[in-house]
Structure formats: C-alpha cells, structure tokens
Amino acid sequence: MNTHSKAQTPGVGGSRETVTITLEGNLTVDNIAPLHRRIRQALEEGNSVRLEFGPIGAIDLTFVQLVCSAHRTARLQWGLDFSFPEVIPPELQEIGAPVCQCHVTALCGLPCLWGKR
C-alpha cells in the first residue's frame, strides 16, 4: 500500500528526518491499518511526515479521518510537520476533502489541512 523514504530537514533543536510515505492502491477502511501504523511509527520516532500520492484505487472517508487525526496529533502532541502535495489526486477531490471548512480549527487552533487547497 505504501513505500517510504527519509530525508534530513532542519527542526527545532537540530535536524529531524522527514519520512515521505507514498500512497498507492486502495485507501479504505479495509486496508488503512498498515498506513496508520506507519504514520504513528514515524511520529513516535520524532520524524515529520509527508504524504505523496502514487496511483490511487478506491478511497473513502476512513483515509480522510486518519489524515486529519495524524495532522492534529503531529502538530499538537509532537510539534512535528505533517503535509502532502498541493495537488491532490482526483479520487480525493471527488469525496470533497479539499473543500472542507471543518470545525477542527476551532477545536485545536490549527489551520485545516484541507482548507488551504
């Protein structure tokens, strides 16, 4: 479902690694667990996370929920970056994520990851 690589980036108190996870295939409730584990592992190791998109199959709101949660946790709990490209795949645009005007900003004080699209 995904591949990853690491690169050194400047961070608070020294350099940190940014783990790039390339997403491919189906991003649905049936197979989201490995991606959740990979993101969590990267954050627990003190690494920022950047998602990249390869060929995407099916996608559902489970993926959107995971990304929103990971973004909030990365920033608030660990002070790490969590990002993905400005251009997102059409499959993700079709479910409405990039036009989200969610209430998360009011809850955690962070800009919505989807709202800047």
N, C-alpha and C. Protein backbone atom coordinates (compact mmCIF):
# COMPACT_ATOMS: atom_id res chain seq x y z
N MET A 1 0.80 -1.19 0.00
CA MET A 1 0.00 0.00 0.00
C MET A 1 0.84 1.25 0.00
N ASN A 2 2.00 1.24 0.63
CA ASN A 2 2.80 2.46 0.66
C ASN A 2 4.28 2.12 0.71
N THR A 3 5.06 3.09 0.30
CA THR A 3 6.51 3.00 0.42
C THR A 3 6.95 4.24 1.15
N HIS A 4 8.17 4.25 1.63
CA HIS A 4 8.62 5.44 2.35
C HIS A 4 10.11 5.66 2.14
N SER A 5 10.50 6.91 2.38
CA SER A 5 11.90 7.28 2.35
C SER A 5 12.11 8.36 3.41
N LYS A 6 13.35 8.63 3.73
CA LYS A 6 13.67 9.63 4.75
C LYS A 6 14.64 10.66 4.19
N ALA A 7 14.51 11.91 4.67
CA ALA A 7 15.43 12.98 4.31
C ALA A 7 15.64 13.85 5.53
N GLN A 8 16.84 14.40 5.69
CA GLN A 8 17.13 15.29 6.80
C GLN A 8 16.54 16.67 6.53
N THR A 9 15.86 17.24 7.53
CA THR A 9 15.34 18.59 7.43
C THR A 9 15.63 19.33 8.71
N PRO A 10 15.81 20.66 8.64
CA PRO A 10 16.04 21.41 9.87
C PRO A 10 14.82 21.30 10.79
N GLY A 11 15.06 21.24 12.06
CA GLY A 11 13.97 21.16 13.02
C GLY A 11 14.34 21.88 14.30
N VAL A 12 13.40 21.99 15.19
CA VAL A 12 13.65 22.62 16.47
C VAL A 12 14.69 21.80 17.21
N GLY A 13 15.75 22.43 17.67
CA GLY A 13 16.78 21.72 18.42
C GLY A 13 17.67 20.84 17.58
N GLY A 14 17.76 21.09 16.29
CA GLY A 14 18.63 20.29 15.44
C GLY A 14 17.87 19.79 14.22
N SER A 15 18.50 18.88 13.48
CA SER A 15 17.84 18.39 12.28
C SER A 15 16.99 17.18 12.61
N ARG A 16 15.90 17.08 11.90
CA ARG A 16 14.99 15.95 12.02
C ARG A 16 14.83 15.34 10.66
N GLU A 17 14.37 14.12 10.66
CA GLU A 17 14.09 13.47 9.39
C GLU A 17 12.65 13.70 9.01
N THR A 18 12.43 13.80 7.72
CA THR A 18 11.07 13.81 7.19
C THR A 18 10.87 12.48 6.49
N VAL A 19 9.89 11.75 6.94
CA VAL A 19 9.55 10.47 6.32
C VAL A 19 8.51 10.75 5.25
N THR A 20 8.83 10.38 4.01
CA THR A 20 7.88 10.51 2.91
C THR A 20 7.23 9.16 2.68
N ILE A 21 5.92 9.14 2.77
CA ILE A 21 5.16 7.92 2.55
C ILE A 21 4.39 8.09 1.25
N THR A 22 4.66 7.21 0.30
CA THR A 22 3.96 7.25 -0.98
C THR A 22 2.77 6.31 -0.92
N LEU A 23 1.60 6.87 -1.12
CA LEU A 23 0.36 6.11 -1.02
C LEU A 23 -0.06 5.60 -2.38
N GLU A 24 -0.44 4.34 -2.41
CA GLU A 24 -0.88 3.71 -3.65
C GLU A 24 -2.00 2.73 -3.34
N GLY A 25 -2.77 2.41 -4.36
CA GLY A 25 -3.82 1.39 -4.19
C GLY A 25 -5.04 1.94 -3.47
N ASN A 26 -5.73 1.03 -2.78
CA ASN A 26 -6.96 1.39 -2.08
C ASN A 26 -6.67 1.97 -0.71
N LEU A 27 -7.27 3.11 -0.43
CA LEU A 27 -7.13 3.78 0.85
C LEU A 27 -8.50 3.76 1.51
N THR A 28 -8.87 2.59 2.00
CA THR A 28 -10.21 2.38 2.54
C THR A 28 -10.13 1.70 3.90
N VAL A 29 -11.29 1.60 4.53
CA VAL A 29 -11.38 1.00 5.86
C VAL A 29 -10.81 -0.43 5.88
N ASP A 30 -10.90 -1.12 4.77
CA ASP A 30 -10.42 -2.50 4.71
C ASP A 30 -8.91 -2.63 4.81
N ASN A 31 -8.17 -1.58 4.47
CA ASN A 31 -6.71 -1.71 4.47
C ASN A 31 -5.99 -0.46 4.98
N ILE A 32 -6.61 0.30 5.86
CA ILE A 32 -5.99 1.53 6.35
C ILE A 32 -5.04 1.27 7.52
N ALA A 33 -5.17 0.14 8.20
CA ALA A 33 -4.37 -0.15 9.41
C ALA A 33 -2.86 -0.07 9.17
N PRO A 34 -2.31 -0.63 8.09
CA PRO A 34 -0.85 -0.52 7.90
C PRO A 34 -0.38 0.93 7.73
N LEU A 35 -1.18 1.76 7.07
CA LEU A 35 -0.82 3.16 6.92
C LEU A 35 -0.86 3.86 8.28
N HIS A 36 -1.86 3.58 9.06
CA HIS A 36 -1.96 4.15 10.41
C HIS A 36 -0.72 3.80 11.23
N ARG A 37 -0.30 2.54 11.19
CA ARG A 37 0.89 2.10 11.94
C ARG A 37 2.14 2.82 11.45
N ARG A 38 2.29 2.98 10.14
CA ARG A 38 3.48 3.62 9.57
C ARG A 38 3.56 5.10 9.96
N ILE A 39 2.42 5.80 9.89
CA ILE A 39 2.40 7.21 10.29
C ILE A 39 2.72 7.34 11.77
N ARG A 40 2.09 6.53 12.58
CA ARG A 40 2.31 6.59 14.03
C ARG A 40 3.76 6.30 14.37
N GLN A 41 4.34 5.29 13.73
CA GLN A 41 5.75 4.95 13.98
C GLN A 41 6.65 6.13 13.63
N ALA A 42 6.41 6.76 12.49
CA ALA A 42 7.25 7.90 12.09
C ALA A 42 7.15 9.03 13.10
N LEU A 43 5.95 9.33 13.55
CA LEU A 43 5.76 10.41 14.52
C LEU A 43 6.38 10.06 15.86
N GLU A 44 6.20 8.84 16.32
CA GLU A 44 6.78 8.43 17.60
C GLU A 44 8.30 8.47 17.58
N GLU A 45 8.89 8.28 16.41
CA GLU A 45 10.35 8.35 16.27
C GLU A 45 10.83 9.80 16.12
N GLY A 46 9.91 10.76 16.17
CA GLY A 46 10.28 12.17 16.09
C GLY A 46 10.47 12.69 14.68
N ASN A 47 9.87 12.02 13.72
CA ASN A 47 10.01 12.43 12.33
C ASN A 47 8.76 13.14 11.83
N SER A 48 8.96 14.17 11.02
CA SER A 48 7.85 14.78 10.32
C SER A 48 7.41 13.82 9.22
N VAL A 49 6.18 13.98 8.75
CA VAL A 49 5.63 13.07 7.74
C VAL A 49 5.14 13.88 6.54
N ARG A 50 5.50 13.42 5.37
CA ARG A 50 5.00 13.99 4.11
C ARG A 50 4.38 12.86 3.32
N LEU A 51 3.11 13.02 2.95
CA LEU A 51 2.43 12.04 2.13
C LEU A 51 2.57 12.42 0.67
N GLU A 52 2.85 11.45 -0.16
CA GLU A 52 2.88 11.61 -1.62
C GLU A 52 1.87 10.61 -2.18
N PHE A 53 1.37 10.89 -3.35
CA PHE A 53 0.37 10.01 -3.95
C PHE A 53 0.89 9.34 -5.21
N GLY A 54 0.78 8.01 -5.24
CA GLY A 54 1.01 7.24 -6.44
C GLY A 54 -0.35 6.95 -7.04
N PRO A 55 -0.45 5.89 -7.83
CA PRO A 55 -1.75 5.53 -8.39
C PRO A 55 -2.73 5.10 -7.28
N ILE A 56 -3.85 5.78 -7.22
CA ILE A 56 -4.85 5.52 -6.18
C ILE A 56 -6.00 4.72 -6.78
N GLY A 57 -6.45 3.72 -6.01
CA GLY A 57 -7.65 2.95 -6.39
C GLY A 57 -8.85 3.57 -5.71
N ALA A 58 -9.48 2.81 -4.86
CA ALA A 58 -10.63 3.31 -4.10
C ALA A 58 -10.14 4.12 -2.90
N ILE A 59 -10.97 5.06 -2.49
CA ILE A 59 -10.65 5.88 -1.33
C ILE A 59 -11.96 6.15 -0.60
N ASP A 60 -11.92 6.18 0.72
CA ASP A 60 -13.12 6.50 1.48
C ASP A 60 -12.79 7.46 2.63
N LEU A 61 -13.79 7.78 3.41
CA LEU A 61 -13.59 8.77 4.47
C LEU A 61 -12.69 8.28 5.59
N THR A 62 -12.45 6.99 5.68
CA THR A 62 -11.51 6.48 6.67
C THR A 62 -10.14 7.12 6.47
N PHE A 63 -9.73 7.24 5.22
CA PHE A 63 -8.45 7.87 4.90
C PHE A 63 -8.45 9.34 5.32
N VAL A 64 -9.52 10.06 5.01
CA VAL A 64 -9.61 11.47 5.38
C VAL A 64 -9.53 11.63 6.90
N GLN A 65 -10.24 10.78 7.63
CA GLN A 65 -10.21 10.84 9.09
C GLN A 65 -8.81 10.57 9.63
N LEU A 66 -8.13 9.58 9.06
CA LEU A 66 -6.76 9.27 9.50
C LEU A 66 -5.84 10.46 9.27
N VAL A 67 -5.92 11.06 8.11
CA VAL A 67 -5.06 12.20 7.78
C VAL A 67 -5.34 13.38 8.71
N CYS A 68 -6.61 13.68 8.95
CA CYS A 68 -6.94 14.79 9.86
C CYS A 68 -6.42 14.53 11.26
N SER A 69 -6.62 13.33 11.75
CA SER A 69 -6.15 12.97 13.08
C SER A 69 -4.63 13.01 13.17
N ALA A 70 -3.96 12.48 12.16
CA ALA A 70 -2.50 12.46 12.15
C ALA A 70 -1.94 13.89 12.11
N HIS A 71 -2.55 14.75 11.32
CA HIS A 71 -2.11 16.14 11.24
C HIS A 71 -2.22 16.82 12.61
N ARG A 72 -3.36 16.67 13.25
CA ARG A 72 -3.57 17.28 14.56
C ARG A 72 -2.61 16.71 15.60
N THR A 73 -2.45 15.40 15.63
CA THR A 73 -1.55 14.75 16.59
C THR A 73 -0.10 15.16 16.36
N ALA A 74 0.33 15.18 15.09
CA ALA A 74 1.71 15.55 14.77
C ALA A 74 2.02 16.95 15.28
N ARG A 75 1.12 17.89 15.03
CA ARG A 75 1.37 19.28 15.40
C ARG A 75 1.24 19.52 16.90
N LEU A 76 0.14 19.03 17.49
CA LEU A 76 -0.14 19.36 18.89
C LEU A 76 0.61 18.49 19.89
N GLN A 77 0.72 17.21 19.61
CA GLN A 77 1.36 16.30 20.57
C GLN A 77 2.87 16.28 20.43
N TRP A 78 3.36 16.32 19.19
CA TRP A 78 4.80 16.17 18.98
C TRP A 78 5.47 17.40 18.37
N GLY A 79 4.73 18.39 17.96
CA GLY A 79 5.31 19.58 17.35
C GLY A 79 6.00 19.30 16.02
N LEU A 80 5.46 18.34 15.28
CA LEU A 80 6.06 17.92 14.01
C LEU A 80 5.19 18.33 12.83
N ASP A 81 5.80 18.42 11.66
CA ASP A 81 5.05 18.73 10.45
C ASP A 81 4.39 17.48 9.90
N PHE A 82 3.24 17.69 9.28
CA PHE A 82 2.52 16.62 8.59
C PHE A 82 1.92 17.27 7.35
N SER A 83 2.34 16.82 6.19
CA SER A 83 1.92 17.52 4.97
C SER A 83 1.74 16.57 3.81
N PHE A 84 1.19 17.11 2.73
CA PHE A 84 1.13 16.40 1.46
C PHE A 84 1.12 17.44 0.36
N PRO A 85 1.26 17.01 -0.90
CA PRO A 85 1.41 17.96 -2.01
C PRO A 85 0.21 18.90 -2.15
N GLU A 86 0.47 20.05 -2.75
CA GLU A 86 -0.61 21.00 -3.03
C GLU A 86 -1.63 20.40 -3.99
N VAL A 87 -1.17 19.61 -4.93
CA VAL A 87 -2.08 18.98 -5.90
C VAL A 87 -2.39 17.58 -5.40
N ILE A 88 -3.67 17.34 -5.18
CA ILE A 88 -4.07 16.03 -4.69
C ILE A 88 -4.81 15.28 -5.79
N PRO A 89 -4.83 13.95 -5.69
CA PRO A 89 -5.44 13.14 -6.75
C PRO A 89 -6.94 13.43 -6.89
N PRO A 90 -7.46 13.26 -8.11
CA PRO A 90 -8.89 13.48 -8.35
C PRO A 90 -9.77 12.59 -7.47
N GLU A 91 -9.29 11.39 -7.16
CA GLU A 91 -10.08 10.49 -6.32
C GLU A 91 -10.36 11.11 -4.95
N LEU A 92 -9.40 11.85 -4.45
CA LEU A 92 -9.58 12.51 -3.16
C LEU A 92 -10.44 13.76 -3.30
N GLN A 93 -10.29 14.47 -4.40
CA GLN A 93 -11.12 15.64 -4.65
C GLN A 93 -12.59 15.25 -4.76
N GLU A 94 -12.86 14.07 -5.33
CA GLU A 94 -14.23 13.63 -5.54
C GLU A 94 -15.00 13.41 -4.24
N ILE A 95 -14.30 13.10 -3.15
CA ILE A 95 -15.03 12.89 -1.90
C ILE A 95 -15.14 14.17 -1.09
N GLY A 96 -14.65 15.28 -1.62
CA GLY A 96 -14.87 16.58 -1.03
C GLY A 96 -13.86 17.04 0.00
N ALA A 97 -12.82 16.29 0.25
CA ALA A 97 -11.86 16.67 1.28
C ALA A 97 -11.24 18.05 1.08
N PRO A 98 -10.82 18.41 -0.14
CA PRO A 98 -10.11 19.68 -0.27
C PRO A 98 -10.97 20.92 -0.10
N VAL A 99 -12.28 20.78 -0.06
CA VAL A 99 -13.13 21.96 0.12
C VAL A 99 -13.72 22.00 1.53
N CYS A 100 -13.18 21.19 2.40
CA CYS A 100 -13.65 21.11 3.77
C CYS A 100 -13.51 22.45 4.47
N GLN A 101 -14.53 22.85 5.17
CA GLN A 101 -14.48 24.01 6.04
C GLN A 101 -14.81 23.52 7.45
N CYS A 102 -14.01 22.61 7.92
CA CYS A 102 -14.32 21.89 9.15
C CYS A 102 -14.18 22.75 10.40
N HIS A 103 -14.65 22.20 11.49
CA HIS A 103 -14.60 22.87 12.78
C HIS A 103 -13.32 22.55 13.55
N VAL A 104 -12.42 21.78 12.96
CA VAL A 104 -11.20 21.38 13.66
C VAL A 104 -10.37 22.59 14.06
N THR A 105 -10.31 23.61 13.23
CA THR A 105 -9.54 24.79 13.55
C THR A 105 -9.97 25.39 14.89
N ALA A 106 -11.27 25.42 15.11
CA ALA A 106 -11.77 25.97 16.37
C ALA A 106 -11.41 25.07 17.55
N LEU A 107 -11.33 23.78 17.33
CA LEU A 107 -11.04 22.85 18.41
C LEU A 107 -9.56 22.82 18.79
N CYS A 108 -8.68 22.85 17.80
CA CYS A 108 -7.26 22.69 18.12
C CYS A 108 -6.41 23.91 17.78
N GLY A 109 -6.97 24.89 17.11
CA GLY A 109 -6.23 26.10 16.78
C GLY A 109 -5.32 25.98 15.57
N LEU A 110 -5.36 24.83 14.89
CA LEU A 110 -4.53 24.64 13.70
C LEU A 110 -5.33 24.95 12.45
N PRO A 111 -4.68 25.48 11.43
CA PRO A 111 -5.38 25.64 10.15
C PRO A 111 -5.76 24.27 9.60
N CYS A 112 -6.93 24.19 9.01
CA CYS A 112 -7.37 22.91 8.45
C CYS A 112 -6.43 22.49 7.32
N LEU A 113 -5.96 21.26 7.37
CA LEU A 113 -5.05 20.73 6.35
C LEU A 113 -5.68 20.78 4.97
N TRP A 114 -6.99 20.58 4.91
CA TRP A 114 -7.71 20.56 3.62
C TRP A 114 -8.06 21.96 3.16
N GLY A 115 -8.29 22.88 4.10
CA GLY A 115 -8.78 24.21 3.76
C GLY A 115 -7.84 25.05 2.92
N LYS A 116 -6.56 24.75 2.92
CA LYS A 116 -5.61 25.56 2.15
C LYS A 116 -5.55 25.18 0.69
N ARG A 117 -6.30 24.22 0.27
CA ARG A 117 -6.28 23.75 -1.12
C ARG A 117 -6.89 24.73 -2.05
